[in-house]
N, C-alpha and C. Protein backbone atom coordinates (compact mmCIF):
# COMPACT_ATOMS: atom_id res chain seq x y z
N PHE A 1 6.40 -4.69 15.27
CA PHE A 1 7.52 -4.01 14.65
C PHE A 1 7.94 -2.79 15.47
N GLN A 2 6.96 -2.09 16.01
CA GLN A 2 7.29 -0.92 16.84
C GLN A 2 8.13 -1.35 18.04
N GLY A 3 7.76 -2.46 18.66
CA GLY A 3 8.52 -2.97 19.79
C GLY A 3 9.94 -3.33 19.41
N ARG A 4 10.11 -3.90 18.23
CA ARG A 4 11.45 -4.25 17.75
C ARG A 4 12.30 -3.00 17.58
N VAL A 5 11.72 -1.95 17.01
CA VAL A 5 12.45 -0.69 16.83
C VAL A 5 12.89 -0.15 18.18
N VAL A 6 11.99 -0.18 19.18
CA VAL A 6 12.33 0.30 20.52
C VAL A 6 13.46 -0.53 21.11
N ALA A 7 13.34 -1.86 21.03
CA ALA A 7 14.36 -2.74 21.60
C ALA A 7 15.73 -2.51 20.96
N GLU A 8 15.75 -2.34 19.65
CA GLU A 8 17.02 -2.12 18.96
C GLU A 8 17.62 -0.76 19.33
N ASN A 9 16.78 0.24 19.55
CA ASN A 9 17.29 1.54 19.98
C ASN A 9 17.85 1.46 21.41
N ILE A 10 17.24 0.64 22.26
CA ILE A 10 17.73 0.47 23.62
C ILE A 10 19.13 -0.13 23.63
N ILE A 11 19.42 -1.05 22.70
CA ILE A 11 20.75 -1.67 22.67
C ILE A 11 21.74 -0.89 21.81
N GLY A 12 21.36 0.32 21.40
CA GLY A 12 22.32 1.19 20.74
C GLY A 12 22.21 1.31 19.24
N LYS A 13 21.32 0.57 18.61
CA LYS A 13 21.14 0.73 17.18
C LYS A 13 20.28 1.97 16.93
N ASN A 14 20.53 2.65 15.87
CA ASN A 14 19.76 3.85 15.55
C ASN A 14 18.69 3.51 14.53
N ARG A 15 17.56 2.95 15.02
CA ARG A 15 16.46 2.56 14.14
C ARG A 15 15.39 3.63 14.16
N ILE A 16 14.78 3.86 13.02
CA ILE A 16 13.69 4.83 12.91
C ILE A 16 12.44 4.08 12.46
N PHE A 17 11.34 4.36 13.12
CA PHE A 17 10.07 3.76 12.76
C PHE A 17 9.43 4.60 11.67
N ASP A 18 9.18 4.01 10.51
CA ASP A 18 8.59 4.72 9.38
C ASP A 18 7.11 4.36 9.30
N SER A 19 6.27 5.26 9.77
CA SER A 19 4.84 4.98 9.84
C SER A 19 4.13 5.05 8.50
N ARG A 20 4.84 5.44 7.44
CA ARG A 20 4.19 5.50 6.12
C ARG A 20 3.77 4.12 5.63
N PHE A 21 4.34 3.09 6.16
CA PHE A 21 4.05 1.76 5.66
C PHE A 21 3.18 0.93 6.59
N ILE A 22 2.39 1.62 7.41
CA ILE A 22 1.36 0.97 8.20
C ILE A 22 0.09 1.02 7.36
N PRO A 23 -0.51 -0.11 7.06
CA PRO A 23 -1.73 -0.09 6.24
C PRO A 23 -2.85 0.69 6.93
N SER A 24 -3.62 1.41 6.14
CA SER A 24 -4.78 2.14 6.63
C SER A 24 -6.02 1.60 5.95
N CYS A 25 -7.12 1.54 6.68
CA CYS A 25 -8.37 1.02 6.13
C CYS A 25 -9.53 1.91 6.54
N ILE A 26 -10.48 2.02 5.66
CA ILE A 26 -11.74 2.69 5.94
C ILE A 26 -12.83 1.67 5.68
N PHE A 27 -13.51 1.25 6.76
CA PHE A 27 -14.55 0.25 6.64
C PHE A 27 -15.89 0.95 6.43
N GLY A 28 -16.36 0.91 5.24
CA GLY A 28 -17.63 1.53 4.86
C GLY A 28 -18.04 0.91 3.54
N TYR A 29 -18.73 1.66 2.75
CA TYR A 29 -19.07 1.17 1.42
C TYR A 29 -18.82 2.28 0.42
N PRO A 30 -17.85 2.16 -0.45
CA PRO A 30 -16.96 1.00 -0.58
C PRO A 30 -15.88 1.00 0.50
N GLU A 31 -15.27 -0.16 0.72
CA GLU A 31 -14.15 -0.23 1.63
C GLU A 31 -12.91 0.27 0.91
N ILE A 32 -12.02 0.91 1.66
CA ILE A 32 -10.81 1.50 1.08
C ILE A 32 -9.62 1.08 1.95
N ALA A 33 -8.54 0.69 1.31
CA ALA A 33 -7.30 0.37 2.03
C ALA A 33 -6.14 0.95 1.23
N PHE A 34 -5.12 1.41 1.96
CA PHE A 34 -3.97 1.98 1.27
C PHE A 34 -2.73 1.90 2.14
N ILE A 35 -1.59 1.98 1.47
CA ILE A 35 -0.30 1.96 2.13
C ILE A 35 0.69 2.70 1.23
N GLY A 36 1.65 3.36 1.82
CA GLY A 36 2.69 4.04 1.05
C GLY A 36 2.20 5.32 0.38
N LYS A 37 2.80 5.63 -0.75
CA LYS A 37 2.53 6.88 -1.46
C LYS A 37 1.49 6.71 -2.55
N ASN A 38 0.86 7.83 -2.92
CA ASN A 38 -0.05 7.81 -4.06
C ASN A 38 0.65 8.42 -5.26
N GLU A 39 0.00 8.37 -6.42
CA GLU A 39 0.62 8.85 -7.65
C GLU A 39 0.99 10.33 -7.59
N GLU A 40 0.12 11.14 -6.99
CA GLU A 40 0.40 12.57 -6.89
C GLU A 40 1.67 12.84 -6.10
N GLU A 41 1.86 12.11 -5.00
CA GLU A 41 3.08 12.28 -4.19
C GLU A 41 4.32 11.86 -4.96
N LEU A 42 4.24 10.74 -5.67
CA LEU A 42 5.39 10.27 -6.44
C LEU A 42 5.75 11.25 -7.54
N LYS A 43 4.74 11.78 -8.23
CA LYS A 43 4.99 12.77 -9.28
C LYS A 43 5.63 14.02 -8.70
N ALA A 44 5.10 14.52 -7.59
CA ALA A 44 5.62 15.74 -6.96
C ALA A 44 7.08 15.57 -6.53
N GLU A 45 7.45 14.36 -6.13
CA GLU A 45 8.81 14.08 -5.68
C GLU A 45 9.72 13.65 -6.82
N GLY A 46 9.18 13.55 -8.03
CA GLY A 46 9.98 13.16 -9.19
C GLY A 46 10.44 11.71 -9.15
N ILE A 47 9.68 10.86 -8.49
CA ILE A 47 10.04 9.45 -8.36
C ILE A 47 9.45 8.67 -9.53
N GLU A 48 10.28 7.91 -10.22
CA GLU A 48 9.83 7.09 -11.33
C GLU A 48 9.06 5.88 -10.78
N TYR A 49 7.95 5.55 -11.42
CA TYR A 49 7.14 4.42 -10.96
C TYR A 49 6.36 3.81 -12.12
N LYS A 50 5.92 2.58 -11.90
CA LYS A 50 5.02 1.88 -12.81
C LYS A 50 3.74 1.58 -12.04
N THR A 51 2.64 1.51 -12.78
CA THR A 51 1.35 1.23 -12.17
C THR A 51 0.82 -0.10 -12.67
N GLY A 52 0.33 -0.90 -11.75
CA GLY A 52 -0.36 -2.14 -12.09
C GLY A 52 -1.76 -2.09 -11.51
N LYS A 53 -2.75 -2.50 -12.28
CA LYS A 53 -4.14 -2.45 -11.82
C LYS A 53 -4.83 -3.78 -12.08
N VAL A 54 -5.69 -4.17 -11.15
CA VAL A 54 -6.52 -5.36 -11.30
C VAL A 54 -7.93 -4.99 -10.86
N ASN A 55 -8.90 -5.27 -11.69
CA ASN A 55 -10.30 -5.04 -11.33
C ASN A 55 -10.79 -6.18 -10.45
N PHE A 56 -11.68 -5.86 -9.51
CA PHE A 56 -12.23 -6.86 -8.60
C PHE A 56 -12.87 -8.03 -9.33
N ILE A 57 -13.41 -7.79 -10.52
CA ILE A 57 -14.09 -8.84 -11.28
C ILE A 57 -13.16 -10.05 -11.49
N ALA A 58 -11.83 -9.81 -11.43
CA ALA A 58 -10.87 -10.89 -11.64
C ALA A 58 -10.56 -11.67 -10.36
N LEU A 59 -11.08 -11.23 -9.22
CA LEU A 59 -10.77 -11.85 -7.93
C LEU A 59 -11.86 -12.85 -7.54
N GLY A 60 -11.44 -14.05 -7.20
CA GLY A 60 -12.39 -15.10 -6.84
C GLY A 60 -13.28 -14.73 -5.67
N LYS A 61 -12.72 -14.10 -4.63
CA LYS A 61 -13.53 -13.72 -3.47
C LYS A 61 -14.59 -12.70 -3.86
N ALA A 62 -14.25 -11.76 -4.73
CA ALA A 62 -15.22 -10.76 -5.17
C ALA A 62 -16.35 -11.43 -5.95
N LYS A 63 -16.01 -12.37 -6.81
CA LYS A 63 -17.04 -13.09 -7.57
C LYS A 63 -17.94 -13.89 -6.63
N ALA A 64 -17.32 -14.58 -5.66
CA ALA A 64 -18.10 -15.42 -4.74
C ALA A 64 -19.05 -14.60 -3.88
N SER A 65 -18.63 -13.39 -3.51
CA SER A 65 -19.46 -12.55 -2.64
C SER A 65 -20.45 -11.70 -3.43
N GLY A 66 -20.26 -11.64 -4.75
CA GLY A 66 -21.14 -10.83 -5.58
C GLY A 66 -20.81 -9.35 -5.55
N HIS A 67 -19.65 -8.99 -5.01
CA HIS A 67 -19.20 -7.59 -4.96
C HIS A 67 -17.99 -7.44 -5.89
N THR A 68 -18.28 -7.26 -7.17
CA THR A 68 -17.21 -7.25 -8.17
C THR A 68 -16.81 -5.85 -8.62
N GLU A 69 -17.40 -4.82 -8.04
CA GLU A 69 -17.00 -3.46 -8.40
C GLU A 69 -15.86 -3.02 -7.50
N GLY A 70 -14.73 -2.67 -8.11
CA GLY A 70 -13.59 -2.20 -7.34
C GLY A 70 -12.31 -2.40 -8.10
N ILE A 71 -11.22 -1.89 -7.51
CA ILE A 71 -9.93 -1.96 -8.18
C ILE A 71 -8.81 -2.07 -7.14
N VAL A 72 -7.74 -2.75 -7.52
CA VAL A 72 -6.51 -2.81 -6.75
C VAL A 72 -5.44 -2.15 -7.62
N LYS A 73 -4.72 -1.19 -7.05
CA LYS A 73 -3.67 -0.50 -7.81
C LYS A 73 -2.37 -0.56 -7.01
N ILE A 74 -1.31 -1.00 -7.68
CA ILE A 74 0.02 -1.09 -7.06
C ILE A 74 0.94 -0.12 -7.79
N LEU A 75 1.71 0.65 -7.03
CA LEU A 75 2.72 1.56 -7.59
C LEU A 75 4.08 1.02 -7.18
N MET A 76 4.95 0.80 -8.16
CA MET A 76 6.24 0.21 -7.84
C MET A 76 7.38 0.84 -8.62
N CYS A 77 8.57 0.72 -8.08
CA CYS A 77 9.78 1.21 -8.75
C CYS A 77 10.12 0.24 -9.87
N PRO A 78 10.24 0.74 -11.12
CA PRO A 78 10.52 -0.17 -12.23
C PRO A 78 11.90 -0.82 -12.16
N LYS A 79 12.85 -0.20 -11.47
CA LYS A 79 14.20 -0.74 -11.39
C LYS A 79 14.34 -1.79 -10.29
N THR A 80 13.87 -1.46 -9.09
CA THR A 80 14.06 -2.35 -7.94
C THR A 80 12.88 -3.28 -7.70
N LYS A 81 11.73 -3.00 -8.33
CA LYS A 81 10.48 -3.75 -8.13
C LYS A 81 9.93 -3.56 -6.71
N LYS A 82 10.42 -2.56 -5.97
CA LYS A 82 9.94 -2.26 -4.63
C LYS A 82 8.58 -1.58 -4.72
N ILE A 83 7.65 -2.01 -3.87
CA ILE A 83 6.33 -1.40 -3.85
C ILE A 83 6.42 -0.05 -3.16
N LEU A 84 5.95 0.98 -3.84
CA LEU A 84 5.97 2.34 -3.31
C LEU A 84 4.64 2.74 -2.72
N GLY A 85 3.58 2.09 -3.18
CA GLY A 85 2.23 2.37 -2.68
C GLY A 85 1.26 1.35 -3.22
N ALA A 86 0.19 1.14 -2.49
CA ALA A 86 -0.87 0.23 -2.93
C ALA A 86 -2.20 0.78 -2.46
N HIS A 87 -3.22 0.64 -3.30
CA HIS A 87 -4.54 1.19 -3.00
C HIS A 87 -5.61 0.20 -3.44
N ILE A 88 -6.58 -0.03 -2.56
CA ILE A 88 -7.69 -0.93 -2.87
C ILE A 88 -8.99 -0.19 -2.57
N ILE A 89 -9.86 -0.16 -3.54
CA ILE A 89 -11.18 0.46 -3.35
C ILE A 89 -12.20 -0.50 -3.91
N GLY A 90 -13.18 -0.88 -3.08
CA GLY A 90 -14.21 -1.77 -3.57
C GLY A 90 -15.03 -2.37 -2.45
């Protein structure tokens, strides 16, 4: 995607690379992954959002591996259904 942004800027389009939506991961125990904004940032900016949560116990891979402690949380705009942030800990 970074290359595409560069190529489009070379041909005269004014594209901006938004690094907020590059997934980040911390490989340890527990593993953590996140993208976008967190609840504190959305609240501070006055952005309306809905939260969806799923516990790892509901995920087949977590059950199969025996690692069922954890959560997936998605933050989204209630009007557009656009994902504003996602967080996984487990």
